[in-house]
C-alpha atoms as a PDB file:
ATOM      1  CA  UNK A   1     -14.245 -11.419 -13.846  1.00  0.00           C
ATOM      2  CA  UNK A   2     -15.681 -11.492 -10.334  1.00  0.00           C
ATOM      3  CA  UNK A   3     -16.854  -8.512  -8.293  1.00  0.00           C
ATOM      4  CA  UNK A   4     -14.814  -8.508  -5.077  1.00  0.00           C
ATOM      5  CA  UNK A   5     -13.976  -6.519  -2.007  1.00  0.00           C
ATOM      6  CA  UNK A   6     -10.299  -5.964  -1.289  1.00  0.00           C
ATOM      7  CA  UNK A   7     -10.407  -8.704   1.353  1.00  0.00           C
ATOM      8  CA  UNK A   8     -11.801 -11.170  -1.167  1.00  0.00           C
ATOM      9  CA  UNK A   9      -9.236 -10.112  -3.775  1.00  0.00           C
ATOM     10  CA  UNK A  10      -6.341 -10.630  -1.367  1.00  0.00           C
ATOM     11  CA  UNK A  11      -7.747 -14.021  -0.379  1.00  0.00           C
ATOM     12  CA  UNK A  12      -8.067 -14.952  -4.063  1.00  0.00           C
ATOM     13  CA  UNK A  13      -4.437 -14.001  -4.709  1.00  0.00           C
ATOM     14  CA  UNK A  14      -3.303 -16.301  -1.894  1.00  0.00           C
ATOM     15  CA  UNK A  15      -5.468 -19.084  -3.273  1.00  0.00           C
ATOM     16  CA  UNK A  16      -4.196 -18.774  -6.840  1.00  0.00           C
ATOM     17  CA  UNK A  17      -0.555 -18.582  -5.752  1.00  0.00           C
ATOM     18  CA  UNK A  18      -0.851 -21.569  -3.401  1.00  0.00           C
ATOM     19  CA  UNK A  19      -2.626 -23.647  -6.042  1.00  0.00           C
ATOM     20  CA  UNK A  20       0.034 -22.856  -8.645  1.00  0.00           C
ATOM     21  CA  UNK A  21       3.124 -23.384  -6.468  1.00  0.00           C
ATOM     22  CA  UNK A  22       3.395 -25.626  -3.422  1.00  0.00           C
ATOM     23  CA  UNK A  23       6.378 -23.586  -2.219  1.00  0.00           C
ATOM     24  CA  UNK A  24       3.988 -20.769  -1.241  1.00  0.00           C
ATOM     25  CA  UNK A  25       3.228 -20.940   2.488  1.00  0.00           C
ATOM     26  CA  UNK A  26       1.129 -18.575   4.588  1.00  0.00           C
ATOM     27  CA  UNK A  27       1.459 -17.945   8.306  1.00  0.00           C
ATOM     28  CA  UNK A  28       1.072 -15.324  11.023  1.00  0.00           C
ATOM     29  CA  UNK A  29      -1.041 -14.557  14.059  1.00  0.00           C
ATOM     30  CA  UNK A  30      -4.524 -16.122  13.716  1.00  0.00           C
ATOM     31  CA  UNK A  31      -4.266 -16.576   9.935  1.00  0.00           C
ATOM     32  CA  UNK A  32      -4.939 -20.322   9.974  1.00  0.00           C
ATOM     33  CA  UNK A  33      -8.092 -21.640  11.616  1.00  0.00           C
ATOM     34  CA  UNK A  34      -9.445 -18.137  12.279  1.00  0.00           C
ATOM     35  CA  UNK A  35      -8.625 -16.820   8.790  1.00  0.00           C
ATOM     36  CA  UNK A  36      -6.957 -13.628   9.957  1.00  0.00           C
ATOM     37  CA  UNK A  37      -8.367 -10.747  11.961  1.00  0.00           C
ATOM     38  CA  UNK A  38      -9.815  -9.308   8.728  1.00  0.00           C
ATOM     39  CA  UNK A  39     -10.450 -12.749   7.149  1.00  0.00           C
ATOM     40  CA  UNK A  40      -7.956 -12.260   4.326  1.00  0.00           C
ATOM     41  CA  UNK A  41      -6.785 -15.884   4.672  1.00  0.00           C
ATOM     42  CA  UNK A  42     -10.124 -17.473   5.492  1.00  0.00           C
ATOM     43  CA  UNK A  43     -10.470 -21.026   4.168  1.00  0.00           C
ATOM     44  CA  UNK A  44      -6.836 -21.454   3.131  1.00  0.00           C
ATOM     45  CA  UNK A  45      -5.940 -23.816   5.962  1.00  0.00           C
ATOM     46  CA  UNK A  46      -8.961 -26.013   5.270  1.00  0.00           C
ATOM     47  CA  UNK A  47      -8.031 -26.182   1.579  1.00  0.00           C
ATOM     48  CA  UNK A  48      -4.246 -26.507   1.749  1.00  0.00           C
ATOM     49  CA  UNK A  49      -3.630 -27.983   5.181  1.00  0.00           C
ATOM     50  CA  UNK A  50      -1.794 -26.920   8.320  1.00  0.00           C
ATOM     51  CA  UNK A  51       1.619 -27.368   6.740  1.00  0.00           C
ATOM     52  CA  UNK A  52       0.995 -24.546   4.269  1.00  0.00           C
ATOM     53  CA  UNK A  53      -1.279 -22.192   6.233  1.00  0.00           C
ATOM     54  CA  UNK A  54      -0.709 -22.061   9.959  1.00  0.00           C
ATOM     55  CA  UNK A  55      -0.840 -19.868  13.034  1.00  0.00           C
ATOM     56  CA  UNK A  56       2.229 -18.355  14.663  1.00  0.00           C
ATOM     57  CA  UNK A  57       2.893 -17.166  18.221  1.00  0.00           C
ATOM     58  CA  UNK A  58       2.551 -13.488  19.100  1.00  0.00           C
ATOM     59  CA  UNK A  59       6.175 -12.830  18.207  1.00  0.00           C
ATOM     60  CA  UNK A  60       6.736 -10.607  15.173  1.00  0.00           C
ATOM     61  CA  UNK A  61      10.505 -10.993  15.306  1.00  0.00           C
ATOM     62  CA  UNK A  62      10.094 -14.759  15.319  1.00  0.00           C
ATOM     63  CA  UNK A  63       7.553 -14.690  12.502  1.00  0.00           C
ATOM     64  CA  UNK A  64       9.796 -12.581  10.267  1.00  0.00           C
ATOM     65  CA  UNK A  65      12.955 -14.456  11.213  1.00  0.00           C
ATOM     66  CA  UNK A  66      11.405 -17.846  10.459  1.00  0.00           C
ATOM     67  CA  UNK A  67      10.066 -16.555   7.140  1.00  0.00           C
ATOM     68  CA  UNK A  68      13.520 -15.287   6.126  1.00  0.00           C
ATOM     69  CA  UNK A  69      15.011 -18.712   6.736  1.00  0.00           C
ATOM     70  CA  UNK A  70      12.228 -20.407   4.818  1.00  0.00           C
ATOM     71  CA  UNK A  71      12.659 -18.011   1.881  1.00  0.00           C
ATOM     72  CA  UNK A  72      16.427 -18.457   1.756  1.00  0.00           C
ATOM     73  CA  UNK A  73      15.852 -22.220   1.814  1.00  0.00           C
ATOM     74  CA  UNK A  74      13.644 -22.033  -1.277  1.00  0.00           C
ATOM     75  CA  UNK A  75      10.072 -21.530  -0.078  1.00  0.00           C
ATOM     76  CA  UNK A  76       7.889 -18.492  -0.822  1.00  0.00           C
ATOM     77  CA  UNK A  77       6.453 -17.407   2.514  1.00  0.00           C
ATOM     78  CA  UNK A  78       3.625 -14.868   2.693  1.00  0.00           C
ATOM     79  CA  UNK A  79       3.339 -13.682   6.272  1.00  0.00           C
ATOM     80  CA  UNK A  80       0.775 -11.451   7.900  1.00  0.00           C
ATOM     81  CA  UNK A  81       1.620  -8.950  10.606  1.00  0.00           C
ATOM     82  CA  UNK A  82      -1.794  -8.507  12.217  1.00  0.00           C
ATOM     83  CA  UNK A  83      -1.540  -4.691  12.189  1.00  0.00           C
ATOM     84  CA  UNK A  84       1.278  -2.600  10.714  1.00  0.00           C
ATOM     85  CA  UNK A  85       1.651  -1.066  14.177  1.00  0.00           C
ATOM     86  CA  UNK A  86       2.943  -4.439  15.439  1.00  0.00           C
ATOM     87  CA  UNK A  87       5.825  -4.757  12.990  1.00  0.00           C
ATOM     88  CA  UNK A  88       8.457  -2.899  14.997  1.00  0.00           C
ATOM     89  CA  UNK A  89       9.732  -5.898  17.029  1.00  0.00           C
ATOM     90  CA  UNK A  90      10.429  -7.571  13.684  1.00  0.00           C
ATOM     91  CA  UNK A  91      11.968  -4.530  12.007  1.00  0.00           C
ATOM     92  CA  UNK A  92      15.566  -5.515  12.744  1.00  0.00           C
ATOM     93  CA  UNK A  93      14.999  -8.848  11.019  1.00  0.00           C
ATOM     94  CA  UNK A  94      13.490  -7.050   8.016  1.00  0.00           C
ATOM     95  CA  UNK A  95      16.098  -4.286   7.677  1.00  0.00           C
ATOM     96  CA  UNK A  96      19.238  -6.130   8.794  1.00  0.00           C
ATOM     97  CA  UNK A  97      18.555  -9.584   7.374  1.00  0.00           C
ATOM     98  CA  UNK A  98      15.794  -9.855   4.740  1.00  0.00           C
ATOM     99  CA  UNK A  99      16.794  -6.693   2.882  1.00  0.00           C
ATOM    100  CA  UNK A 100      20.509  -7.544   2.802  1.00  0.00           C
ATOM    101  CA  UNK A 101      20.828 -11.257   2.104  1.00  0.00           C
ATOM    102  CA  UNK A 102      21.086 -10.876  -1.675  1.00  0.00           C
ATOM    103  CA  UNK A 103      23.826  -8.241  -1.243  1.00  0.00           C
ATOM    104  CA  UNK A 104      25.679 -10.074   1.539  1.00  0.00           C
ATOM    105  CA  UNK A 105      25.716 -13.341  -0.414  1.00  0.00           C
ATOM    106  CA  UNK A 106      26.712 -11.710  -3.714  1.00  0.00           C
ATOM    107  CA  UNK A 107      23.486 -13.009  -5.218  1.00  0.00           C
ATOM    108  CA  UNK A 108      23.839 -16.603  -4.027  1.00  0.00           C
ATOM    109  CA  UNK A 109      20.724 -16.259  -1.859  1.00  0.00           C
ATOM    110  CA  UNK A 110      17.494 -14.356  -2.365  1.00  0.00           C
ATOM    111  CA  UNK A 111      14.543 -13.815  -0.037  1.00  0.00           C
ATOM    112  CA  UNK A 112      11.239 -14.188  -1.935  1.00  0.00           C
ATOM    113  CA  UNK A 113       9.238 -13.041   1.069  1.00  0.00           C
ATOM    114  CA  UNK A 114       6.009 -11.025   1.245  1.00  0.00           C
ATOM    115  CA  UNK A 115       5.133  -9.235   4.493  1.00  0.00           C
ATOM    116  CA  UNK A 116       1.448  -8.249   4.454  1.00  0.00           C
ATOM    117  CA  UNK A 117       0.196  -5.649   6.918  1.00  0.00           C
ATOM    118  CA  UNK A 118      -3.129  -3.826   7.370  1.00  0.00           C
ATOM    119  CA  UNK A 119      -2.242  -0.145   7.619  1.00  0.00           C
ATOM    120  CA  UNK A 120      -3.803   3.273   8.115  1.00  0.00           C
ATOM    121  CA  UNK A 121      -6.957   4.489   9.794  1.00  0.00           C
ATOM    122  CA  UNK A 122     -10.629   4.422   9.103  1.00  0.00           C
ATOM    123  CA  UNK A 123     -11.752   1.894  11.712  1.00  0.00           C
ATOM    124  CA  UNK A 124     -11.277   4.019  14.860  1.00  0.00           C
ATOM    125  CA  UNK A 125      -8.394   1.823  15.984  1.00  0.00           C
ATOM    126  CA  UNK A 126      -6.513   4.573  17.784  1.00  0.00           C
ATOM    127  CA  UNK A 127      -2.783   5.017  18.109  1.00  0.00           C
ATOM    128  CA  UNK A 128      -1.771   1.321  18.104  1.00  0.00           C
ATOM    129  CA  UNK A 129      -3.952   0.092  15.225  1.00  0.00           C
ATOM    130  CA  UNK A 130      -3.873   2.939  12.678  1.00  0.00           C
ATOM    131  CA  UNK A 131      -0.273   3.757  11.798  1.00  0.00           C
ATOM    132  CA  UNK A 132       1.037   4.208   8.262  1.00  0.00           C
ATOM    133  CA  UNK A 133       4.740   3.243   8.488  1.00  0.00           C
ATOM    134  CA  UNK A 134       5.505   3.041   4.764  1.00  0.00           C
ATOM    135  CA  UNK A 135       8.272   5.674   4.856  1.00  0.00           C
ATOM    136  CA  UNK A 136      10.305   3.574   7.278  1.00  0.00           C
ATOM    137  CA  UNK A 137      10.478   0.718   4.789  1.00  0.00           C
ATOM    138  CA  UNK A 138      11.129   2.871   1.727  1.00  0.00           C
ATOM    139  CA  UNK A 139      14.329   4.020   3.436  1.00  0.00           C
ATOM    140  CA  UNK A 140      15.727   0.463   3.575  1.00  0.00           C
ATOM    141  CA  UNK A 141      17.698  -0.606   0.515  1.00  0.00           C
ATOM    142  CA  UNK A 142      16.681  -4.059  -0.688  1.00  0.00           C
ATOM    143  CA  UNK A 143      12.969  -3.801   0.097  1.00  0.00           C
ATOM    144  CA  UNK A 144      10.083  -3.125  -2.253  1.00  0.00           C
ATOM    145  CA  UNK A 145       7.047  -1.317  -0.814  1.00  0.00           C
ATOM    146  CA  UNK A 146       3.546  -1.701  -2.248  1.00  0.00           C
ATOM    147  CA  UNK A 147       0.178  -0.095  -1.343  1.00  0.00           C
ATOM    148  CA  UNK A 148      -2.919  -0.882  -3.467  1.00  0.00           C
ATOM    149  CA  UNK A 149      -5.996   1.338  -3.699  1.00  0.00           C
ATOM    150  CA  UNK A 150      -8.612  -1.115  -5.003  1.00  0.00           C
ATOM    151  CA  UNK A 151      -9.400  -4.849  -5.197  1.00  0.00           C
ATOM    152  CA  UNK A 152      -8.083  -5.431  -8.702  1.00  0.00           C
ATOM    153  CA  UNK A 153      -4.709  -3.940  -7.882  1.00  0.00           C
ATOM    154  CA  UNK A 154      -4.619  -5.656  -4.490  1.00  0.00           C
ATOM    155  CA  UNK A 155      -4.857  -9.056  -6.127  1.00  0.00           C
ATOM    156  CA  UNK A 156      -2.598  -8.290  -9.075  1.00  0.00           C
ATOM    157  CA  UNK A 157       0.115  -6.635  -7.000  1.00  0.00           C
ATOM    158  CA  UNK A 158       0.078  -9.426  -4.426  1.00  0.00           C
ATOM    159  CA  UNK A 159       0.510 -12.048  -7.156  1.00  0.00           C
ATOM    160  CA  UNK A 160       3.510 -10.120  -8.493  1.00  0.00           C
ATOM    161  CA  UNK A 161       4.917  -9.657  -4.990  1.00  0.00           C
ATOM    162  CA  UNK A 162       4.772 -13.395  -4.311  1.00  0.00           C
ATOM    163  CA  UNK A 163       6.717 -14.072  -7.518  1.00  0.00           C
ATOM    164  CA  UNK A 164       9.328 -11.383  -6.822  1.00  0.00           C
ATOM    165  CA  UNK A 165      12.726 -12.747  -5.769  1.00  0.00           C
ATOM    166  CA  UNK A 166      13.221 -10.022  -3.160  1.00  0.00           C
ATOM    167  CA  UNK A 167      11.326  -9.091   0.026  1.00  0.00           C
ATOM    168  CA  UNK A 168       8.172  -7.050  -0.519  1.00  0.00           C
ATOM    169  CA  UNK A 169       6.371  -4.962   2.102  1.00  0.00           C
ATOM    170  CA  UNK A 170       2.671  -5.148   1.204  1.00  0.00           C
ATOM    171  CA  UNK A 171       0.591  -2.562   3.057  1.00  0.00           C
ATOM    172  CA  UNK A 172      -3.196  -2.924   2.847  1.00  0.00           C
ATOM    173  CA  UNK A 173      -5.392   0.134   3.596  1.00  0.00           C
ATOM    174  CA  UNK A 174      -7.906  -1.037   6.203  1.00  0.00           C
ATOM    175  CA  UNK A 175     -10.349   1.701   5.203  1.00  0.00           C
ATOM    176  CA  UNK A 176     -10.726   0.008   1.812  1.00  0.00           C
ATOM    177  CA  UNK A 177     -10.962  -3.603   2.960  1.00  0.00           C
ATOM    178  CA  UNK A 178     -14.730  -4.030   2.938  1.00  0.00           C
ATOM    179  CA  UNK A 179     -15.805  -1.696   0.202  1.00  0.00           C
ATOM    180  CA  UNK A 180     -15.206   1.486  -1.747  1.00  0.00           C
ATOM    181  CA  UNK A 181     -14.585   4.896  -0.314  1.00  0.00           C
ATOM    182  CA  UNK A 182     -15.530   8.266  -1.770  1.00  0.00           C
ATOM    183  CA  UNK A 183     -13.216  10.299   0.430  1.00  0.00           C
ATOM    184  CA  UNK A 184     -15.729  11.049   3.205  1.00  0.00           C
ATOM    185  CA  UNK A 185     -16.302   9.097   6.421  1.00  0.00           C
ATOM    186  CA  UNK A 186     -20.037   9.784   6.463  1.00  0.00           C
ATOM    187  CA  UNK A 187     -20.979   8.817   2.909  1.00  0.00           C
ATOM    188  CA  UNK A 188     -21.751   5.153   2.206  1.00  0.00           C
ATOM    189  CA  UNK A 189     -20.850   3.958  -1.274  1.00  0.00           C
ATOM    190  CA  UNK A 190     -22.264   0.844  -2.896  1.00  0.00           C
ATOM    191  CA  UNK A 191     -19.880   0.302  -5.801  1.00  0.00           C
ATOM    192  CA  UNK A 192     -16.412   1.268  -6.946  1.00  0.00           C
ATOM    193  CA  UNK A 193     -16.422   4.361  -9.141  1.00  0.00           C
ATOM    194  CA  UNK A 194     -14.579   2.630 -11.937  1.00  0.00           C
ATOM    195  CA  UNK A 195     -15.605  -0.817 -13.114  1.00  0.00           C
ATOM    196  CA  UNK A 196     -12.039  -2.033 -13.377  1.00  0.00           C
ATOM    197  CA  UNK A 197     -11.399  -1.315  -9.683  1.00  0.00           C
ATOM    198  CA  UNK A 198     -13.893  -3.823  -8.303  1.00  0.00           C
ATOM    199  CA  UNK A 199     -14.007  -6.350 -11.150  1.00  0.00           C
ATOM    200  CA  UNK A 200     -11.136  -8.723 -10.492  1.00  0.00           C
ATOM    201  CA  UNK A 201      -9.920 -11.129 -13.192  1.00  0.00           C
ATOM    202  CA  UNK A 202      -8.188 -14.441 -12.631  1.00  0.00           C
ATOM    203  CA  UNK A 203      -4.420 -14.744 -12.957  1.00  0.00           C
ATOM    204  CA  UNK A 204      -3.819 -11.088 -13.814  1.00  0.00           C
ATOM    205  CA  UNK A 205      -0.613  -9.865 -12.111  1.00  0.00           C
ATOM    206  CA  UNK A 206      -0.011  -6.118 -11.864  1.00  0.00           C
ATOM    207  CA  UNK A 207       3.684  -5.262 -12.343  1.00  0.00           C
ATOM    208  CA  UNK A 208       5.537  -3.744  -9.430  1.00  0.00           C
ATOM    209  CA  UNK A 209       6.972  -0.284 -10.064  1.00  0.00           C
ATOM    210  CA  UNK A 210       4.287   0.903 -12.466  1.00  0.00           C
ATOM    211  CA  UNK A 211       1.920   3.730 -11.466  1.00  0.00           C
ATOM    212  CA  UNK A 212      -1.604   4.168 -12.797  1.00  0.00           C
ATOM    213  CA  UNK A 213      -3.217   7.380 -14.021  1.00  0.00           C
ATOM    214  CA  UNK A 214      -6.602   7.226 -12.289  1.00  0.00           C
ATOM    215  CA  UNK A 215      -7.862  10.503 -13.697  1.00  0.00           C
ATOM    216  CA  UNK A 216      -6.457  12.571 -16.539  1.00  0.00           C
ATOM    217  CA  UNK A 217      -6.359  16.332 -16.097  1.00  0.00           C
ATOM    218  CA  UNK A 218      -4.595  19.511 -17.122  1.00  0.00           C
ATOM    219  CA  UNK A 219      -4.446  21.765 -14.039  1.00  0.00           C
ATOM    220  CA  UNK A 220      -2.474  19.942 -11.331  1.00  0.00           C
ATOM    221  CA  UNK A 221      -0.920  16.542 -10.716  1.00  0.00           C
ATOM    222  CA  UNK A 222      -1.979  14.815  -7.493  1.00  0.00           C
ATOM    223  CA  UNK A 223       0.316  12.049  -6.267  1.00  0.00           C
ATOM    224  CA  UNK A 224      -1.487   9.589  -3.985  1.00  0.00           C
ATOM    225  CA  UNK A 225      -1.619   5.949  -2.945  1.00  0.00           C
ATOM    226  CA  UNK A 226      -3.947   3.682  -1.010  1.00  0.00           C
ATOM    227  CA  UNK A 227      -6.932   5.364   0.622  1.00  0.00           C
ATOM    228  CA  UNK A 228      -5.765   8.807  -0.448  1.00  0.00           C
ATOM    229  CA  UNK A 229      -6.481   8.011  -4.100  1.00  0.00           C
ATOM    230  CA  UNK A 230     -10.193   8.148  -3.238  1.00  0.00           C
ATOM    231  CA  UNK A 231      -9.754  11.314  -1.189  1.00  0.00           C
ATOM    232  CA  UNK A 232      -8.067  12.872  -4.219  1.00  0.00           C
ATOM    233  CA  UNK A 233     -10.962  11.885  -6.475  1.00  0.00           C
ATOM    234  CA  UNK A 234     -13.459  13.486  -4.091  1.00  0.00           C
ATOM    235  CA  UNK A 235     -11.402  16.681  -3.740  1.00  0.00           C
ATOM    236  CA  UNK A 236     -11.102  17.099  -7.503  1.00  0.00           C
ATOM    237  CA  UNK A 237     -14.840  16.666  -7.987  1.00  0.00           C
ATOM    238  CA  UNK A 238     -15.759  19.084  -5.209  1.00  0.00           C
ATOM    239  CA  UNK A 239     -13.318  21.853  -6.147  1.00  0.00           C
ATOM    240  CA  UNK A 240     -13.744  21.610  -9.896  1.00  0.00           C
ATOM    241  CA  UNK A 241      -9.975  21.628 -10.334  1.00  0.00           C
ATOM    242  CA  UNK A 242      -8.996  19.537 -13.351  1.00  0.00           C
ATOM    243  CA  UNK A 243      -6.638  17.178 -11.526  1.00  0.00           C
ATOM    244  CA  UNK A 244      -4.528  14.411 -12.960  1.00  0.00           C
ATOM    245  CA  UNK A 245      -4.469  11.737 -10.243  1.00  0.00           C
ATOM    246  CA  UNK A 246      -1.503   9.369 -10.188  1.00  0.00           C
ATOM    247  CA  UNK A 247      -1.993   6.227  -8.103  1.00  0.00           C
ATOM    248  CA  UNK A 248       1.591   5.249  -7.286  1.00  0.00           C
ATOM    249  CA  UNK A 249       0.724   1.643  -6.280  1.00  0.00           C
ATOM    250  CA  UNK A 250       4.426   0.905  -5.675  1.00  0.00           C
ATOM    251  CA  UNK A 251       6.481   3.337  -3.590  1.00  0.00           C
ATOM    252  CA  UNK A 252       9.770   1.497  -4.145  1.00  0.00           C
ATOM    253  CA  UNK A 253      10.513   1.211  -6.984  1.00  0.00           C
ATOM    254  CA  UNK A 254       8.524   4.352  -7.778  1.00  0.00           C
ATOM    255  CA  UNK A 255       7.417   5.104 -11.333  1.00  0.00           C
ATOM    256  CA  UNK A 256       9.198   8.439 -11.796  1.00  0.00           C
ATOM    257  CA  UNK A 257       8.713   8.597 -15.592  1.00  0.00           C
ATOM    258  CA  UNK A 258       4.905   8.571 -15.204  1.00  0.00           C
ATOM    259  CA  UNK A 259       5.096  11.182 -12.438  1.00  0.00           C
ATOM    260  CA  UNK A 260       7.437  13.468 -14.397  1.00  0.00           C
ATOM    261  CA  UNK A 261       5.384  13.240 -17.580  1.00  0.00           C
ATOM    262  CA  UNK A 262       2.293  14.360 -15.700  1.00  0.00           C
ATOM    263  CA  UNK A 263       3.929  17.201 -13.775  1.00  0.00           C
ATOM    264  CA  UNK A 264       5.609  18.542 -16.895  1.00  0.00           C
ATOM    265  CA  UNK A 265       2.175  18.655 -18.503  1.00  0.00           C
ATOM    266  CA  UNK A 266       0.296  20.326 -15.618  1.00  0.00           C
ATOM    267  CA  UNK A 267       3.071  22.466 -14.113  1.00  0.00           C
ATOM    268  CA  UNK A 268       1.674  21.934 -10.602  1.00  0.00           C
ATOM    269  CA  UNK A 269       1.891  19.137  -8.053  1.00  0.00           C
ATOM    270  CA  UNK A 270       0.199  18.239  -4.768  1.00  0.00           C
ATOM    271  CA  UNK A 271       1.232  15.191  -2.729  1.00  0.00           C
ATOM    272  CA  UNK A 272      -1.189  13.572  -0.271  1.00  0.00           C
ATOM    273  CA  UNK A 273      -0.653  10.773   2.239  1.00  0.00           C
ATOM    274  CA  UNK A 274      -2.173   9.665   5.514  1.00  0.00           C
ATOM    275  CA  UNK A 275       1.075   9.219   7.438  1.00  0.00           C
ATOM    276  CA  UNK A 276       2.577  11.959   9.585  1.00  0.00           C
ATOM    277  CA  UNK A 277       4.160  14.863   7.736  1.00  0.00           C
ATOM    278  CA  UNK A 278       7.733  15.003   9.066  1.00  0.00           C
ATOM    279  CA  UNK A 279       9.885  12.391   7.354  1.00  0.00           C
ATOM    280  CA  UNK A 280       6.877  11.055   5.438  1.00  0.00           C
ATOM    281  CA  UNK A 281       7.150   9.554   1.975  1.00  0.00           C
ATOM    282  CA  UNK A 282       5.677  12.757   0.580  1.00  0.00           C
ATOM    283  CA  UNK A 283       8.963  14.520   1.279  1.00  0.00           C
ATOM    284  CA  UNK A 284      10.729  12.046  -0.997  1.00  0.00           C
ATOM    285  CA  UNK A 285       8.145  12.629  -3.708  1.00  0.00           C
ATOM    286  CA  UNK A 286       8.576  16.395  -3.430  1.00  0.00           C
ATOM    287  CA  UNK A 287      12.346  16.002  -3.865  1.00  0.00           C
ATOM    288  CA  UNK A 288      11.963  13.699  -6.864  1.00  0.00           C
ATOM    289  CA  UNK A 289       9.529  16.046  -8.579  1.00  0.00           C
ATOM    290  CA  UNK A 290      11.714  19.068  -7.833  1.00  0.00           C
ATOM    291  CA  UNK A 291      14.766  17.343  -9.313  1.00  0.00           C
ATOM    292  CA  UNK A 292      12.995  16.003 -12.405  1.00  0.00           C
ATOM    293  CA  UNK A 293      10.557  18.834 -13.177  1.00  0.00           C
ATOM    294  CA  UNK A 294      12.015  22.051 -11.747  1.00  0.00           C
ATOM    295  CA  UNK A 295      11.767  24.090 -14.946  1.00  0.00           C
ATOM    296  CA  UNK A 296       8.169  22.947 -15.559  1.00  0.00           C
ATOM    297  CA  UNK A 297       6.794  23.918 -12.143  1.00  0.00           C
ATOM    298  CA  UNK A 298       4.564  26.993 -12.030  1.00  0.00           C
ATOM    299  CA  UNK A 299       4.086  26.959  -8.225  1.00  0.00           C
ATOM    300  CA  UNK A 300       5.697  25.366  -5.158  1.00  0.00           C
ATOM    301  CA  UNK A 301       4.751  21.720  -4.517  1.00  0.00           C
ATOM    302  CA  UNK A 302       2.209  21.232  -1.713  1.00  0.00           C
ATOM    303  CA  UNK A 303       1.928  18.380   0.794  1.00  0.00           C
ATOM    304  CA  UNK A 304      -1.292  17.310   2.519  1.00  0.00           C
ATOM    305  CA  UNK A 305      -0.666  14.751   5.264  1.00  0.00           C
ATOM    306  CA  UNK A 306      -1.578  13.462   8.678  1.00  0.00           C
ATOM    307  CA  UNK A 307      -0.517  15.565  11.648  1.00  0.00           C
ATOM    308  CA  UNK A 308       2.733  15.092  13.559  1.00  0.00           C
ATOM    309  CA  UNK A 309       0.948  13.438  16.476  1.00  0.00           C
ATOM    310  CA  UNK A 310       0.082   9.895  17.517  1.00  0.00           C
ATOM    311  CA  UNK A 311      -2.964   8.698  15.607  1.00  0.00           C
ATOM    312  CA  UNK A 312      -6.003   9.748  17.679  1.00  0.00           C
ATOM    313  CA  UNK A 313      -9.090   7.716  18.443  1.00  0.00           C
ATOM    314  CA  UNK A 314     -11.970  10.105  19.073  1.00  0.00           C
ATOM    315  CA  UNK A 315     -10.763  12.687  16.519  1.00  0.00           C
ATOM    316  CA  UNK A 316      -9.805  10.272  13.763  1.00  0.00           C
ATOM    317  CA  UNK A 317     -11.575  12.172  10.988  1.00  0.00           C
ATOM    318  CA  UNK A 318      -9.928  15.440  11.992  1.00  0.00           C
ATOM    319  CA  UNK A 319      -6.547  13.757  11.666  1.00  0.00           C
ATOM    320  CA  UNK A 320      -7.414  11.962   8.442  1.00  0.00           C
ATOM    321  CA  UNK A 321      -6.475  14.098   5.384  1.00  0.00           C
ATOM    322  CA  UNK A 322      -9.890  14.580   3.799  1.00  0.00           C
ATOM    323  CA  UNK A 323     -11.203  16.282   0.657  1.00  0.00           C
ATOM    324  CA  UNK A 324     -11.528  19.634   2.434  1.00  0.00           C
ATOM    325  CA  UNK A 325      -7.831  19.849   3.336  1.00  0.00           C
ATOM    326  CA  UNK A 326      -6.722  18.532  -0.023  1.00  0.00           C
ATOM    327  CA  UNK A 327      -9.179  20.833  -1.807  1.00  0.00           C
ATOM    328  CA  UNK A 328      -7.705  23.857  -0.017  1.00  0.00           C
ATOM    329  CA  UNK A 329      -4.236  22.859  -1.232  1.00  0.00           C
ATOM    330  CA  UNK A 330      -5.502  22.447  -4.783  1.00  0.00           C
ATOM    331  CA  UNK A 331      -6.964  25.948  -4.707  1.00  0.00           C
ATOM    332  CA  UNK A 332      -3.739  27.389  -3.313  1.00  0.00           C
ATOM    333  CA  UNK A 333      -1.588  25.976  -6.106  1.00  0.00           C
ATOM    334  CA  UNK A 334      -4.098  27.164  -8.705  1.00  0.00           C
ATOM    335  CA  UNK A 335      -4.172  30.680  -7.274  1.00  0.00           C
ATOM    336  CA  UNK A 336      -0.418  31.035  -6.718  1.00  0.00           C
END
């Protein structure tokens, strides 16, 4: 195994997939010579050539549209949207074309396409570089939506996404790109808390649709993904609440059996995500838990989320759901 950052793990997944299958091609804004704005594709063009890793114009609709055609033709494109905030011009291509081709063709065509996007806050990017649009994609039938929380999962999930016959939205938490995160913006951390998070093996795909229990507990189930997994770990430690933390990893398809088993054991549930509250993916999780675990719940389900405002710049860490806000919710469900 090699010790990696999330950036290095994502780069390694590209490398392994491109070496194993010459149908895998990588393109997007600045991903070729420059190696991507976060360097997730650095060195791929030099190794595999400009036919397999190349730059695209600043045209998200064109990038997605070209990738759909390439995928339907038989290639396996992995495209990068430079920031998730930039995806909206290409959304019609994703929702109306990529997500529907298998259905429209009665299975004659598939779209093995991966759309990678840095998402979320943590770098003081303000309203146009910090959005978390995962709920928009989970609403579209025909798409899979993935969000890793550590390097090992980032590599393994990306390898599985590249091999999937259907389009996969792959959202990468920018706050986790360059190192671990203990839930606080002012605390540097030098290593991942768990060895298996930062130690990344070769050729080790992580299956889509399977959640991971990051921490076993008896008091309350915390459902999280991406950066919020680390916020949940910090909140549990600071409050002393014996939380069971479920890292969803894949939002669609979501691993409801793992979620239900945990909630039926603890009798309590708190959902946390960085995206805005109204219409966020947390609302879907609350509904699923309510339907599957109603008679096991001891208290109402709580949500801890971003605010219903554009993502701020100067007040980023007031917007960001931190351990204090999550800890307050944990105490409320324990005291109810």
